[in-house]
Each structure stands twice: as structure tokens, then as C-alpha cells.
Amino acid sequence: MDDPGLAWTTAVLAFVAAVPLWRVTTHAITIAHEGGHAMFGSLTGLFVKKVRVDRGGGGSTAYRQEKWSVLQTLAAGLAGYLGPSIFGLAGAWMLVRGISPRSILLMTLVLLAVLLVMVRNVFGFIAVPATGALVWTVAMRASADVQLVFTYIWIWFLLMGGTRQIPELYGNWKNGGEPDTGTLAKATGLSDAFFVALFWLGSMVALVYGGVLLLTNPV
């Protein structure tokens, strides 16, 4: 029998983390953002030179190659602002298909460990291990019930955080300082505004679809 109580409760907790506590939790979304750049760039043949996670909530990912194909630009560029939503949606998909919360958390740890190897600034060396330490503690020390609750919160947070970063994207774009949309626009001939709208639409679709998966998942 489906019981959406856990999904609704954890959604509220994740909302608190993603909205009122955004100044504190924004670095976790930055890690997913830059992790998206690094992962999908690497999958298309780009070699990551360095990743930064900055104290102010920003970040950057640099590659060794100076010339990229259109495919590489699209994959690496789109996977930044859509990164948290992609990871959240993947987590929701795995959870509803019976993959254990502990397995999902361990996969998260693997991705964080790979990203840590690429980090090249002091704050990044603090933020990524701190996030990993929290996930490791729950995955290895907590009970199965706590792992389930935390995994729900973590997935909801990634989905909500994916949408929460869009207002900041819009502000950066209006002020003329958004490299992701500028790079994508230059490579495709489309406008920056198109990609701002695409990021907003993609993150909202992921939140709605991922939310439906979690809310209809029998626990």
C-alpha cells in the first residue's frame, strides 16, 4: 500500500534546506553543479583540469582542451545547471526501482570522491569532504530507517536545489556575467535567454517528475 507520508515529510524538510537555509546549503548544490560539468564533459572526451567550489556559493570547472565540439559544449554546458536535477532524478528513479538507500548513498560517495580528485582550491577541499563525511556517516553508521529518510531528503534537496539556483542564474544573466549560457549561446547560435528558459524548464520538469516518483513510491 502506498504511503506518501514519508515522501511529503521529507519534501518539507528538503524545502527548508533548499530555500530558507540556502545560504548554508548552497555549496552542496554547487558541488552537484560542477560535478555535472565534470562528469558529462569527461563522458564526451574532455579532460578536466580543475574544479573550484567557492565560499560564496559559486564554482567553476576548467578543461585541458581549448577547442570543443558542439556535442562537448552542449554536454558539459547543459550538465551544470541541470546537474543537481539530473542526479536527483537518477536517485529517485533508483529508489523507486528497489535499489537500497545505502547503495544510492554509496554511489554518491563514489562520485564525490572522484570530484575531490579534481578540486584545486582550499574551500573545495573543505566542502566536498564535509559533504562526503555526512553521506558516509549515514550510509555506514545509521540504521536502515535513518538511511531511508536521509536518502529521501537528499533526493528531494537535489531536485529542489536544481530549481532554486535558477533565480541566481537569471540574475547573473541579466547582469551579463553568466558563462554557462554565454558559452552555449556562442556554440549554437541560440540566445542566452533560450538557455535560461531551458534550464528553468528542465529543472522544473525534473522536480515534478521526480516528486511524482517519490510520492507514489510504496514504503
N, C-alpha and C. Protein backbone atom coordinates (compact mmCIF):
# COMPACT_ATOMS: atom_id res chain seq x y z
N MET A 1 0.84 -1.21 0.00
CA MET A 1 0.00 0.00 0.00
C MET A 1 0.87 1.25 0.00
N ASP A 2 0.55 2.17 -0.86
CA ASP A 2 1.34 3.40 -0.95
C ASP A 2 1.10 4.28 0.27
N ASP A 3 2.18 4.77 0.84
CA ASP A 3 2.08 5.68 1.97
C ASP A 3 2.94 6.90 1.66
N PRO A 4 2.32 8.00 1.20
CA PRO A 4 3.10 9.17 0.81
C PRO A 4 3.57 10.02 1.99
N GLY A 5 3.24 9.58 3.22
CA GLY A 5 3.60 10.40 4.39
C GLY A 5 5.08 10.68 4.48
N LEU A 6 5.92 9.67 4.29
CA LEU A 6 7.37 9.85 4.35
C LEU A 6 7.83 10.81 3.26
N ALA A 7 7.31 10.64 2.07
CA ALA A 7 7.73 11.50 0.95
C ALA A 7 7.35 12.96 1.20
N TRP A 8 6.13 13.19 1.71
CA TRP A 8 5.71 14.57 1.99
C TRP A 8 6.53 15.19 3.12
N THR A 9 6.77 14.43 4.17
CA THR A 9 7.52 14.95 5.31
C THR A 9 8.95 15.31 4.91
N THR A 10 9.58 14.41 4.19
CA THR A 10 10.96 14.68 3.76
C THR A 10 11.01 15.80 2.73
N ALA A 11 9.95 15.95 1.94
CA ALA A 11 9.89 17.06 0.99
C ALA A 11 9.89 18.40 1.73
N VAL A 12 9.14 18.47 2.82
CA VAL A 12 9.11 19.71 3.61
C VAL A 12 10.48 20.00 4.20
N LEU A 13 11.14 18.97 4.73
CA LEU A 13 12.48 19.16 5.30
C LEU A 13 13.47 19.60 4.23
N ALA A 14 13.37 19.01 3.06
CA ALA A 14 14.27 19.38 1.97
C ALA A 14 14.00 20.81 1.51
N PHE A 15 12.73 21.22 1.52
CA PHE A 15 12.38 22.58 1.14
C PHE A 15 13.03 23.58 2.10
N VAL A 16 13.00 23.27 3.39
CA VAL A 16 13.63 24.15 4.38
C VAL A 16 15.12 24.27 4.08
N ALA A 17 15.75 23.15 3.73
CA ALA A 17 17.18 23.17 3.42
C ALA A 17 17.47 23.94 2.14
N ALA A 18 16.59 23.81 1.15
CA ALA A 18 16.85 24.39 -0.16
C ALA A 18 16.43 25.85 -0.29
N VAL A 19 15.55 26.32 0.61
CA VAL A 19 15.07 27.70 0.46
C VAL A 19 15.48 28.57 1.66
N PRO A 20 14.90 28.39 2.85
CA PRO A 20 15.33 29.27 3.96
C PRO A 20 16.81 29.12 4.32
N LEU A 21 17.35 27.91 4.20
CA LEU A 21 18.74 27.67 4.58
C LEU A 21 19.69 27.68 3.39
N TRP A 22 19.26 28.30 2.29
CA TRP A 22 20.04 28.26 1.06
C TRP A 22 21.46 28.77 1.23
N ARG A 23 21.65 29.80 2.01
CA ARG A 23 22.99 30.35 2.20
C ARG A 23 23.94 29.33 2.81
N VAL A 24 23.38 28.39 3.58
CA VAL A 24 24.20 27.37 4.23
C VAL A 24 24.37 26.15 3.32
N THR A 25 23.32 25.80 2.61
CA THR A 25 23.32 24.55 1.84
C THR A 25 23.70 24.73 0.37
N THR A 26 23.86 25.96 -0.08
CA THR A 26 24.12 26.21 -1.49
C THR A 26 25.36 25.50 -2.01
N HIS A 27 26.35 25.28 -1.14
CA HIS A 27 27.58 24.64 -1.59
C HIS A 27 27.35 23.20 -2.03
N ALA A 28 26.38 22.52 -1.43
CA ALA A 28 26.08 21.15 -1.85
C ALA A 28 25.55 21.14 -3.28
N ILE A 29 24.74 22.14 -3.63
CA ILE A 29 24.23 22.24 -5.00
C ILE A 29 25.35 22.66 -5.95
N THR A 30 26.25 23.52 -5.49
CA THR A 30 27.41 23.89 -6.32
C THR A 30 28.25 22.65 -6.63
N ILE A 31 28.41 21.78 -5.64
CA ILE A 31 29.16 20.54 -5.86
C ILE A 31 28.49 19.69 -6.94
N ALA A 32 27.15 19.58 -6.88
CA ALA A 32 26.43 18.82 -7.91
C ALA A 32 26.50 19.51 -9.26
N HIS A 33 26.45 20.84 -9.25
CA HIS A 33 26.56 21.63 -10.49
C HIS A 33 27.90 21.39 -11.17
N GLU A 34 28.98 21.58 -10.42
CA GLU A 34 30.31 21.39 -11.00
C GLU A 34 30.57 19.91 -11.30
N GLY A 35 30.00 19.03 -10.47
CA GLY A 35 30.11 17.61 -10.75
C GLY A 35 29.44 17.23 -12.06
N GLY A 36 28.32 17.90 -12.37
CA GLY A 36 27.65 17.67 -13.64
C GLY A 36 28.53 18.10 -14.81
N HIS A 37 29.13 19.29 -14.68
CA HIS A 37 30.07 19.75 -15.72
C HIS A 37 31.18 18.72 -15.94
N ALA A 38 31.80 18.31 -14.82
CA ALA A 38 32.96 17.42 -14.91
C ALA A 38 32.58 16.05 -15.46
N MET A 39 31.47 15.48 -14.99
CA MET A 39 31.07 14.14 -15.42
C MET A 39 30.73 14.10 -16.91
N PHE A 40 29.83 14.98 -17.33
CA PHE A 40 29.37 14.91 -18.71
C PHE A 40 30.41 15.45 -19.69
N GLY A 41 31.26 16.36 -19.22
CA GLY A 41 32.37 16.77 -20.06
C GLY A 41 33.33 15.61 -20.28
N SER A 42 33.63 14.88 -19.21
CA SER A 42 34.53 13.73 -19.32
C SER A 42 33.94 12.64 -20.20
N LEU A 43 32.63 12.42 -20.10
CA LEU A 43 31.99 11.39 -20.90
C LEU A 43 32.06 11.68 -22.40
N THR A 44 32.23 12.95 -22.76
CA THR A 44 32.33 13.31 -24.18
C THR A 44 33.77 13.55 -24.62
N GLY A 45 34.73 13.19 -23.76
CA GLY A 45 36.13 13.26 -24.17
C GLY A 45 36.91 14.46 -23.68
N LEU A 46 36.30 15.31 -22.88
CA LEU A 46 37.04 16.44 -22.32
C LEU A 46 37.81 15.98 -21.09
N PHE A 47 38.98 16.55 -20.88
CA PHE A 47 39.80 16.22 -19.71
C PHE A 47 39.74 17.37 -18.71
N VAL A 48 39.24 17.07 -17.53
CA VAL A 48 39.06 18.11 -16.51
C VAL A 48 40.42 18.53 -15.95
N LYS A 49 40.69 19.81 -15.99
CA LYS A 49 41.93 20.36 -15.45
C LYS A 49 41.80 20.68 -13.97
N LYS A 50 40.69 21.33 -13.62
CA LYS A 50 40.47 21.66 -12.21
C LYS A 50 39.02 22.03 -11.97
N VAL A 51 38.59 21.83 -10.75
CA VAL A 51 37.25 22.22 -10.30
C VAL A 51 37.41 23.09 -9.07
N ARG A 52 36.62 24.15 -9.01
CA ARG A 52 36.60 25.02 -7.84
C ARG A 52 35.20 25.06 -7.24
N VAL A 53 35.14 25.06 -5.92
CA VAL A 53 33.90 25.31 -5.19
C VAL A 53 34.20 26.49 -4.27
N ASP A 54 33.58 27.62 -4.54
CA ASP A 54 33.94 28.85 -3.85
C ASP A 54 33.07 29.09 -2.61
N ARG A 55 33.63 29.81 -1.67
CA ARG A 55 32.95 30.11 -0.41
C ARG A 55 31.63 30.85 -0.64
N GLY A 56 31.58 31.71 -1.63
CA GLY A 56 30.38 32.50 -1.88
C GLY A 56 29.25 31.74 -2.54
N GLY A 57 29.47 30.48 -2.88
CA GLY A 57 28.42 29.67 -3.48
C GLY A 57 28.62 29.40 -4.96
N GLY A 58 29.60 30.08 -5.55
CA GLY A 58 29.89 29.85 -6.96
C GLY A 58 30.87 28.72 -7.15
N GLY A 59 31.28 28.52 -8.38
CA GLY A 59 32.25 27.48 -8.69
C GLY A 59 32.63 27.54 -10.15
N SER A 60 33.55 26.69 -10.54
CA SER A 60 33.97 26.64 -11.94
C SER A 60 34.62 25.31 -12.23
N THR A 61 34.55 24.92 -13.51
CA THR A 61 35.21 23.70 -13.99
C THR A 61 35.99 24.05 -15.23
N ALA A 62 37.28 23.75 -15.22
CA ALA A 62 38.14 24.05 -16.36
C ALA A 62 38.62 22.75 -17.00
N TYR A 63 38.77 22.78 -18.33
CA TYR A 63 39.20 21.60 -19.08
C TYR A 63 40.54 21.88 -19.75
N ARG A 64 41.26 20.81 -20.07
CA ARG A 64 42.56 20.96 -20.71
C ARG A 64 42.43 21.43 -22.17
N GLN A 65 41.40 20.93 -22.86
CA GLN A 65 41.24 21.31 -24.26
C GLN A 65 40.72 22.74 -24.40
N GLU A 66 41.24 23.45 -25.38
CA GLU A 66 40.76 24.79 -25.67
C GLU A 66 39.65 24.77 -26.71
N LYS A 67 39.68 23.79 -27.62
CA LYS A 67 38.65 23.68 -28.65
C LYS A 67 37.74 22.50 -28.34
N TRP A 68 36.43 22.78 -28.33
CA TRP A 68 35.44 21.75 -28.04
C TRP A 68 34.54 21.58 -29.25
N SER A 69 34.03 20.36 -29.42
CA SER A 69 33.00 20.14 -30.43
C SER A 69 31.67 20.68 -29.90
N VAL A 70 30.69 20.81 -30.77
CA VAL A 70 29.36 21.26 -30.35
C VAL A 70 28.78 20.29 -29.34
N LEU A 71 28.98 18.97 -29.56
CA LEU A 71 28.47 17.96 -28.64
C LEU A 71 29.09 18.12 -27.26
N GLN A 72 30.39 18.33 -27.21
CA GLN A 72 31.07 18.51 -25.93
C GLN A 72 30.59 19.76 -25.23
N THR A 73 30.40 20.84 -25.99
CA THR A 73 29.91 22.08 -25.40
C THR A 73 28.52 21.90 -24.82
N LEU A 74 27.64 21.23 -25.57
CA LEU A 74 26.28 21.01 -25.10
C LEU A 74 26.27 20.12 -23.86
N ALA A 75 27.02 19.02 -23.91
CA ALA A 75 27.01 18.08 -22.78
C ALA A 75 27.56 18.73 -21.52
N ALA A 76 28.74 19.34 -21.64
CA ALA A 76 29.36 19.95 -20.47
C ALA A 76 28.60 21.18 -20.01
N GLY A 77 28.11 21.97 -20.95
CA GLY A 77 27.42 23.21 -20.59
C GLY A 77 26.06 22.98 -19.97
N LEU A 78 25.27 22.11 -20.56
CA LEU A 78 23.93 21.85 -20.04
C LEU A 78 23.95 21.13 -18.70
N ALA A 79 24.98 20.30 -18.48
CA ALA A 79 25.01 19.46 -17.28
C ALA A 79 25.37 20.22 -16.01
N GLY A 80 25.67 21.51 -16.13
CA GLY A 80 25.96 22.29 -14.93
C GLY A 80 24.70 22.65 -14.17
N TYR A 81 23.91 23.55 -14.74
CA TYR A 81 22.68 23.95 -14.06
C TYR A 81 21.65 22.82 -14.01
N LEU A 82 21.76 21.85 -14.90
CA LEU A 82 20.85 20.70 -14.83
C LEU A 82 21.43 19.57 -14.00
N GLY A 83 22.69 19.71 -13.56
CA GLY A 83 23.34 18.65 -12.81
C GLY A 83 22.60 18.20 -11.56
N PRO A 84 22.27 19.12 -10.64
CA PRO A 84 21.54 18.69 -9.44
C PRO A 84 20.23 17.99 -9.77
N SER A 85 19.51 18.48 -10.78
CA SER A 85 18.25 17.86 -11.17
C SER A 85 18.48 16.48 -11.76
N ILE A 86 19.53 16.33 -12.57
CA ILE A 86 19.85 15.02 -13.15
C ILE A 86 20.18 14.02 -12.06
N PHE A 87 21.02 14.41 -11.12
CA PHE A 87 21.41 13.50 -10.04
C PHE A 87 20.21 13.18 -9.14
N GLY A 88 19.38 14.19 -8.86
CA GLY A 88 18.19 13.95 -8.06
C GLY A 88 17.22 13.02 -8.73
N LEU A 89 17.00 13.24 -10.03
CA LEU A 89 16.08 12.39 -10.77
C LEU A 89 16.62 10.96 -10.87
N ALA A 90 17.92 10.81 -11.05
CA ALA A 90 18.52 9.48 -11.08
C ALA A 90 18.34 8.78 -9.73
N GLY A 91 18.51 9.53 -8.64
CA GLY A 91 18.31 8.96 -7.32
C GLY A 91 16.88 8.50 -7.09
N ALA A 92 15.92 9.34 -7.52
CA ALA A 92 14.51 8.97 -7.38
C ALA A 92 14.19 7.72 -8.20
N TRP A 93 14.70 7.67 -9.41
CA TRP A 93 14.46 6.52 -10.30
C TRP A 93 15.02 5.25 -9.67
N MET A 94 16.22 5.32 -9.11
CA MET A 94 16.81 4.13 -8.48
C MET A 94 16.03 3.71 -7.24
N LEU A 95 15.61 4.70 -6.46
CA LEU A 95 14.91 4.38 -5.22
C LEU A 95 13.60 3.66 -5.48
N VAL A 96 12.83 4.13 -6.45
CA VAL A 96 11.53 3.51 -6.72
C VAL A 96 11.67 2.17 -7.41
N ARG A 97 12.84 1.86 -7.92
CA ARG A 97 13.06 0.58 -8.56
C ARG A 97 13.76 -0.43 -7.64
N GLY A 98 13.75 -0.12 -6.37
CA GLY A 98 14.18 -1.10 -5.38
C GLY A 98 15.64 -1.08 -5.01
N ILE A 99 16.40 -0.14 -5.56
CA ILE A 99 17.80 -0.02 -5.14
C ILE A 99 17.82 0.56 -3.73
N SER A 100 18.59 -0.04 -2.86
CA SER A 100 18.56 0.33 -1.45
C SER A 100 19.09 1.74 -1.23
N PRO A 101 18.57 2.43 -0.22
CA PRO A 101 19.09 3.77 0.10
C PRO A 101 20.60 3.76 0.35
N ARG A 102 21.08 2.72 1.01
CA ARG A 102 22.52 2.65 1.28
C ARG A 102 23.32 2.59 -0.02
N SER A 103 22.84 1.84 -0.99
CA SER A 103 23.54 1.75 -2.28
C SER A 103 23.57 3.10 -2.97
N ILE A 104 22.46 3.83 -2.91
CA ILE A 104 22.39 5.16 -3.53
C ILE A 104 23.38 6.11 -2.85
N LEU A 105 23.46 6.03 -1.53
CA LEU A 105 24.40 6.88 -0.79
C LEU A 105 25.85 6.51 -1.11
N LEU A 106 26.13 5.22 -1.25
CA LEU A 106 27.49 4.79 -1.58
C LEU A 106 27.87 5.25 -2.99
N MET A 107 26.93 5.22 -3.91
CA MET A 107 27.19 5.75 -5.26
C MET A 107 27.48 7.24 -5.20
N THR A 108 26.75 7.94 -4.34
CA THR A 108 27.00 9.37 -4.14
C THR A 108 28.42 9.59 -3.63
N LEU A 109 28.85 8.74 -2.70
CA LEU A 109 30.21 8.85 -2.16
C LEU A 109 31.27 8.65 -3.23
N VAL A 110 31.04 7.70 -4.12
CA VAL A 110 31.99 7.45 -5.21
C VAL A 110 32.12 8.69 -6.09
N LEU A 111 30.99 9.29 -6.45
CA LEU A 111 31.02 10.49 -7.28
C LEU A 111 31.72 11.65 -6.56
N LEU A 112 31.48 11.78 -5.27
CA LEU A 112 32.14 12.84 -4.50
C LEU A 112 33.65 12.61 -4.44
N ALA A 113 34.05 11.35 -4.29
CA ALA A 113 35.48 11.03 -4.23
C ALA A 113 36.17 11.35 -5.56
N VAL A 114 35.51 11.02 -6.66
CA VAL A 114 36.08 11.33 -7.98
C VAL A 114 36.19 12.83 -8.16
N LEU A 115 35.17 13.56 -7.74
CA LEU A 115 35.21 15.02 -7.87
C LEU A 115 36.32 15.63 -7.02
N LEU A 116 36.53 15.07 -5.82
CA LEU A 116 37.54 15.60 -4.92
C LEU A 116 38.93 15.56 -5.55
N VAL A 117 39.19 14.55 -6.35
CA VAL A 117 40.49 14.44 -7.02
C VAL A 117 40.71 15.63 -7.96
N MET A 118 39.63 16.19 -8.46
CA MET A 118 39.73 17.29 -9.44
C MET A 118 39.72 18.66 -8.78
N VAL A 119 39.38 18.75 -7.51
CA VAL A 119 39.26 20.04 -6.82
C VAL A 119 40.65 20.66 -6.62
N ARG A 120 40.72 21.96 -6.85
CA ARG A 120 42.01 22.65 -6.76
C ARG A 120 41.96 23.93 -5.93
N ASN A 121 40.99 24.08 -5.05
CA ASN A 121 41.01 25.25 -4.16
C ASN A 121 40.70 24.83 -2.74
N VAL A 122 41.12 25.65 -1.79
CA VAL A 122 41.06 25.28 -0.37
C VAL A 122 39.63 25.05 0.08
N PHE A 123 38.73 25.97 -0.26
CA PHE A 123 37.35 25.80 0.21
C PHE A 123 36.72 24.54 -0.38
N GLY A 124 37.07 24.22 -1.62
CA GLY A 124 36.57 22.99 -2.23
C GLY A 124 37.04 21.77 -1.48
N PHE A 125 38.29 21.82 -0.97
CA PHE A 125 38.83 20.71 -0.20
C PHE A 125 38.14 20.58 1.16
N ILE A 126 37.41 21.61 1.56
CA ILE A 126 36.63 21.53 2.80
C ILE A 126 35.21 21.09 2.49
N ALA A 127 34.59 21.72 1.50
CA ALA A 127 33.17 21.49 1.21
C ALA A 127 32.89 20.07 0.71
N VAL A 128 33.70 19.58 -0.21
CA VAL A 128 33.44 18.25 -0.77
C VAL A 128 33.65 17.15 0.27
N PRO A 129 34.77 17.13 1.02
CA PRO A 129 34.90 16.11 2.06
C PRO A 129 33.85 16.22 3.16
N ALA A 130 33.43 17.45 3.50
CA ALA A 130 32.40 17.62 4.53
C ALA A 130 31.08 17.00 4.08
N THR A 131 30.73 17.23 2.82
CA THR A 131 29.52 16.61 2.28
C THR A 131 29.67 15.10 2.25
N GLY A 132 30.82 14.62 1.83
CA GLY A 132 31.07 13.19 1.80
C GLY A 132 31.04 12.56 3.19
N ALA A 133 31.55 13.28 4.18
CA ALA A 133 31.57 12.76 5.55
C ALA A 133 30.14 12.56 6.07
N LEU A 134 29.26 13.51 5.75
CA LEU A 134 27.86 13.38 6.16
C LEU A 134 27.21 12.17 5.51
N VAL A 135 27.42 12.04 4.20
CA VAL A 135 26.83 10.90 3.48
C VAL A 135 27.41 9.59 3.98
N TRP A 136 28.72 9.55 4.22
CA TRP A 136 29.37 8.33 4.70
C TRP A 136 28.84 7.94 6.08
N THR A 137 28.67 8.92 6.95
CA THR A 137 28.18 8.62 8.30
C THR A 137 26.80 7.97 8.25
N VAL A 138 25.93 8.51 7.42
CA VAL A 138 24.58 7.93 7.31
C VAL A 138 24.64 6.55 6.66
N ALA A 139 25.43 6.42 5.60
CA ALA A 139 25.49 5.16 4.87
C ALA A 139 26.12 4.03 5.68
N MET A 140 27.10 4.36 6.52
CA MET A 140 27.86 3.32 7.21
C MET A 140 27.52 3.17 8.68
N ARG A 141 26.92 4.20 9.28
CA ARG A 141 26.70 4.15 10.73
C ARG A 141 25.23 4.17 11.14
N ALA A 142 24.37 4.68 10.27
CA ALA A 142 22.97 4.85 10.65
C ALA A 142 22.17 3.58 10.39
N SER A 143 21.00 3.52 11.01
CA SER A 143 20.10 2.39 10.80
C SER A 143 19.45 2.47 9.42
N ALA A 144 18.82 1.39 9.01
CA ALA A 144 18.17 1.36 7.70
C ALA A 144 17.08 2.41 7.59
N ASP A 145 16.35 2.64 8.67
CA ASP A 145 15.27 3.64 8.65
C ASP A 145 15.84 5.04 8.46
N VAL A 146 16.92 5.34 9.15
CA VAL A 146 17.54 6.66 9.02
C VAL A 146 18.11 6.83 7.62
N GLN A 147 18.70 5.79 7.07
CA GLN A 147 19.21 5.86 5.70
C GLN A 147 18.09 6.16 4.71
N LEU A 148 16.94 5.54 4.91
CA LEU A 148 15.80 5.77 4.02
C LEU A 148 15.34 7.22 4.09
N VAL A 149 15.18 7.74 5.30
CA VAL A 149 14.73 9.12 5.48
C VAL A 149 15.75 10.09 4.88
N PHE A 150 17.03 9.87 5.18
CA PHE A 150 18.07 10.77 4.67
C PHE A 150 18.12 10.75 3.14
N THR A 151 17.99 9.56 2.56
CA THR A 151 18.05 9.45 1.10
C THR A 151 16.89 10.19 0.46
N TYR A 152 15.71 10.10 1.04
CA TYR A 152 14.56 10.87 0.54
C TYR A 152 14.87 12.37 0.61
N ILE A 153 15.38 12.82 1.75
CA ILE A 153 15.69 14.25 1.90
C ILE A 153 16.75 14.67 0.88
N TRP A 154 17.77 13.85 0.73
CA TRP A 154 18.86 14.16 -0.18
C TRP A 154 18.37 14.28 -1.63
N ILE A 155 17.53 13.35 -2.05
CA ILE A 155 17.00 13.38 -3.41
C ILE A 155 16.09 14.58 -3.61
N TRP A 156 15.18 14.81 -2.67
CA TRP A 156 14.31 16.00 -2.74
C TRP A 156 15.15 17.27 -2.80
N PHE A 157 16.20 17.32 -1.98
CA PHE A 157 17.04 18.52 -1.92
C PHE A 157 17.72 18.78 -3.26
N LEU A 158 18.22 17.74 -3.90
CA LEU A 158 18.84 17.92 -5.21
C LEU A 158 17.82 18.42 -6.23
N LEU A 159 16.63 17.84 -6.20
CA LEU A 159 15.58 18.26 -7.15
C LEU A 159 15.17 19.71 -6.89
N MET A 160 14.96 20.06 -5.63
CA MET A 160 14.56 21.43 -5.31
C MET A 160 15.71 22.41 -5.50
N GLY A 161 16.91 21.98 -5.14
CA GLY A 161 18.07 22.84 -5.32
C GLY A 161 18.34 23.16 -6.78
N GLY A 162 17.99 22.20 -7.66
CA GLY A 162 18.13 22.45 -9.08
C GLY A 162 17.29 23.61 -9.55
N THR A 163 16.10 23.75 -8.99
CA THR A 163 15.24 24.89 -9.34
C THR A 163 15.63 26.14 -8.57
N ARG A 164 16.12 25.96 -7.35
CA ARG A 164 16.47 27.12 -6.51
C ARG A 164 17.62 27.93 -7.09
N GLN A 165 18.50 27.30 -7.85
CA GLN A 165 19.63 28.04 -8.41
C GLN A 165 19.26 28.87 -9.64
N ILE A 166 18.07 28.63 -10.20
CA ILE A 166 17.68 29.34 -11.43
C ILE A 166 17.52 30.84 -11.22
N PRO A 167 16.91 31.31 -10.11
CA PRO A 167 16.86 32.77 -9.92
C PRO A 167 18.25 33.41 -9.90
N GLU A 168 19.24 32.71 -9.35
CA GLU A 168 20.60 33.24 -9.36
C GLU A 168 21.15 33.25 -10.78
N LEU A 169 20.85 32.20 -11.54
CA LEU A 169 21.22 32.16 -12.95
C LEU A 169 20.63 33.36 -13.69
N TYR A 170 19.36 33.63 -13.46
CA TYR A 170 18.68 34.75 -14.12
C TYR A 170 19.35 36.08 -13.76
N GLY A 171 19.67 36.23 -12.47
CA GLY A 171 20.33 37.46 -12.04
C GLY A 171 21.70 37.63 -12.68
N ASN A 172 22.47 36.54 -12.75
CA ASN A 172 23.79 36.61 -13.39
C ASN A 172 23.67 36.95 -14.87
N TRP A 173 22.67 36.33 -15.52
CA TRP A 173 22.46 36.59 -16.94
C TRP A 173 22.07 38.04 -17.19
N LYS A 174 21.17 38.58 -16.39
CA LYS A 174 20.74 39.97 -16.56
C LYS A 174 21.90 40.94 -16.36
N ASN A 175 22.83 40.55 -15.49
CA ASN A 175 23.99 41.41 -15.23
C ASN A 175 25.13 41.13 -16.20
N GLY A 176 24.91 40.22 -17.14
CA GLY A 176 25.91 39.95 -18.17
C GLY A 176 27.09 39.12 -17.71
N GLY A 177 26.91 38.35 -16.62
CA GLY A 177 28.04 37.60 -16.10
C GLY A 177 27.80 36.12 -15.94
N GLU A 178 27.09 35.50 -16.88
CA GLU A 178 26.79 34.07 -16.77
C GLU A 178 27.52 33.30 -17.87
N PRO A 179 28.65 32.64 -17.53
CA PRO A 179 29.46 31.96 -18.56
C PRO A 179 28.79 30.75 -19.19
N ASP A 180 27.97 30.01 -18.42
CA ASP A 180 27.37 28.79 -18.97
C ASP A 180 26.46 29.10 -20.15
N THR A 181 25.54 30.05 -19.98
CA THR A 181 24.62 30.37 -21.07
C THR A 181 25.36 31.05 -22.22
N GLY A 182 26.38 31.86 -21.89
CA GLY A 182 27.14 32.53 -22.94
C GLY A 182 27.89 31.53 -23.82
N THR A 183 28.50 30.52 -23.20
CA THR A 183 29.22 29.51 -23.96
C THR A 183 28.28 28.71 -24.85
N LEU A 184 27.14 28.33 -24.29
CA LEU A 184 26.16 27.57 -25.06
C LEU A 184 25.59 28.39 -26.21
N ALA A 185 25.31 29.65 -25.95
CA ALA A 185 24.76 30.51 -27.00
C ALA A 185 25.76 30.70 -28.13
N LYS A 186 27.03 30.89 -27.80
CA LYS A 186 28.06 31.09 -28.80
C LYS A 186 28.23 29.84 -29.67
N ALA A 187 28.12 28.65 -29.05
CA ALA A 187 28.34 27.40 -29.78
C ALA A 187 27.17 27.02 -30.68
N THR A 188 25.97 27.46 -30.31
CA THR A 188 24.77 27.01 -31.03
C THR A 188 24.12 28.09 -31.87
N GLY A 189 24.44 29.35 -31.60
CA GLY A 189 23.78 30.44 -32.31
C GLY A 189 22.44 30.81 -31.72
N LEU A 190 22.04 30.14 -30.66
CA LEU A 190 20.80 30.47 -29.96
C LEU A 190 21.09 31.55 -28.92
N SER A 191 20.03 32.17 -28.41
CA SER A 191 20.22 33.26 -27.47
C SER A 191 20.48 32.75 -26.06
N ASP A 192 21.12 33.60 -25.25
CA ASP A 192 21.30 33.28 -23.84
C ASP A 192 19.95 33.04 -23.16
N ALA A 193 18.95 33.84 -23.54
CA ALA A 193 17.63 33.73 -22.92
C ALA A 193 17.03 32.34 -23.15
N PHE A 194 17.30 31.78 -24.32
CA PHE A 194 16.80 30.43 -24.61
C PHE A 194 17.32 29.44 -23.59
N PHE A 195 18.59 29.52 -23.25
CA PHE A 195 19.17 28.55 -22.32
C PHE A 195 18.76 28.83 -20.88
N VAL A 196 18.55 30.10 -20.53
CA VAL A 196 17.99 30.39 -19.21
C VAL A 196 16.62 29.73 -19.06
N ALA A 197 15.79 29.87 -20.10
CA ALA A 197 14.46 29.25 -20.08
C ALA A 197 14.57 27.73 -20.08
N LEU A 198 15.52 27.20 -20.84
CA LEU A 198 15.69 25.74 -20.89
C LEU A 198 16.10 25.19 -19.54
N PHE A 199 17.02 25.86 -18.86
CA PHE A 199 17.44 25.42 -17.53
C PHE A 199 16.26 25.45 -16.55
N TRP A 200 15.47 26.52 -16.63
CA TRP A 200 14.31 26.61 -15.74
C TRP A 200 13.31 25.49 -16.04
N LEU A 201 13.02 25.28 -17.31
CA LEU A 201 12.06 24.25 -17.68
C LEU A 201 12.57 22.86 -17.32
N GLY A 202 13.83 22.60 -17.61
CA GLY A 202 14.39 21.28 -17.31
C GLY A 202 14.39 20.97 -15.83
N SER A 203 14.76 21.95 -15.01
CA SER A 203 14.78 21.72 -13.56
C SER A 203 13.37 21.54 -13.00
N MET A 204 12.39 22.27 -13.55
CA MET A 204 11.02 22.13 -13.10
C MET A 204 10.44 20.77 -13.49
N VAL A 205 10.71 20.33 -14.71
CA VAL A 205 10.23 19.01 -15.15
C VAL A 205 10.83 17.92 -14.28
N ALA A 206 12.12 18.03 -13.97
CA ALA A 206 12.76 17.03 -13.11
C ALA A 206 12.15 17.03 -11.72
N LEU A 207 11.87 18.21 -11.18
CA LEU A 207 11.27 18.30 -9.85
C LEU A 207 9.88 17.66 -9.83
N VAL A 208 9.06 17.97 -10.83
CA VAL A 208 7.70 17.43 -10.87
C VAL A 208 7.72 15.92 -11.07
N TYR A 209 8.50 15.46 -12.06
CA TYR A 209 8.53 14.03 -12.35
C TYR A 209 9.18 13.25 -11.21
N GLY A 210 10.30 13.76 -10.70
CA GLY A 210 10.94 13.11 -9.57
C GLY A 210 10.06 13.11 -8.34
N GLY A 211 9.33 14.21 -8.12
CA GLY A 211 8.41 14.28 -6.99
C GLY A 211 7.29 13.25 -7.10
N VAL A 212 6.76 13.10 -8.31
CA VAL A 212 5.71 12.09 -8.52
C VAL A 212 6.26 10.69 -8.22
N LEU A 213 7.47 10.40 -8.66
CA LEU A 213 8.08 9.10 -8.38
C LEU A 213 8.18 8.86 -6.88
N LEU A 214 8.64 9.87 -6.15
CA LEU A 214 8.82 9.70 -4.70
C LEU A 214 7.48 9.60 -3.98
N LEU A 215 6.52 10.41 -4.39
CA LEU A 215 5.23 10.43 -3.71
C LEU A 215 4.39 9.18 -3.96
N THR A 216 4.66 8.50 -5.06
CA THR A 216 3.91 7.29 -5.38
C THR A 216 4.71 6.02 -5.08
N ASN A 217 5.87 6.19 -4.47
CA ASN A 217 6.70 5.03 -4.15
C ASN A 217 6.23 4.36 -2.88
N PRO A 218 5.85 3.07 -2.91
CA PRO A 218 5.42 2.40 -1.68
C PRO A 218 6.59 2.17 -0.74
N VAL A 219 6.42 2.53 0.51
CA VAL A 219 7.47 2.33 1.52
C VAL A 219 6.92 1.56 2.70
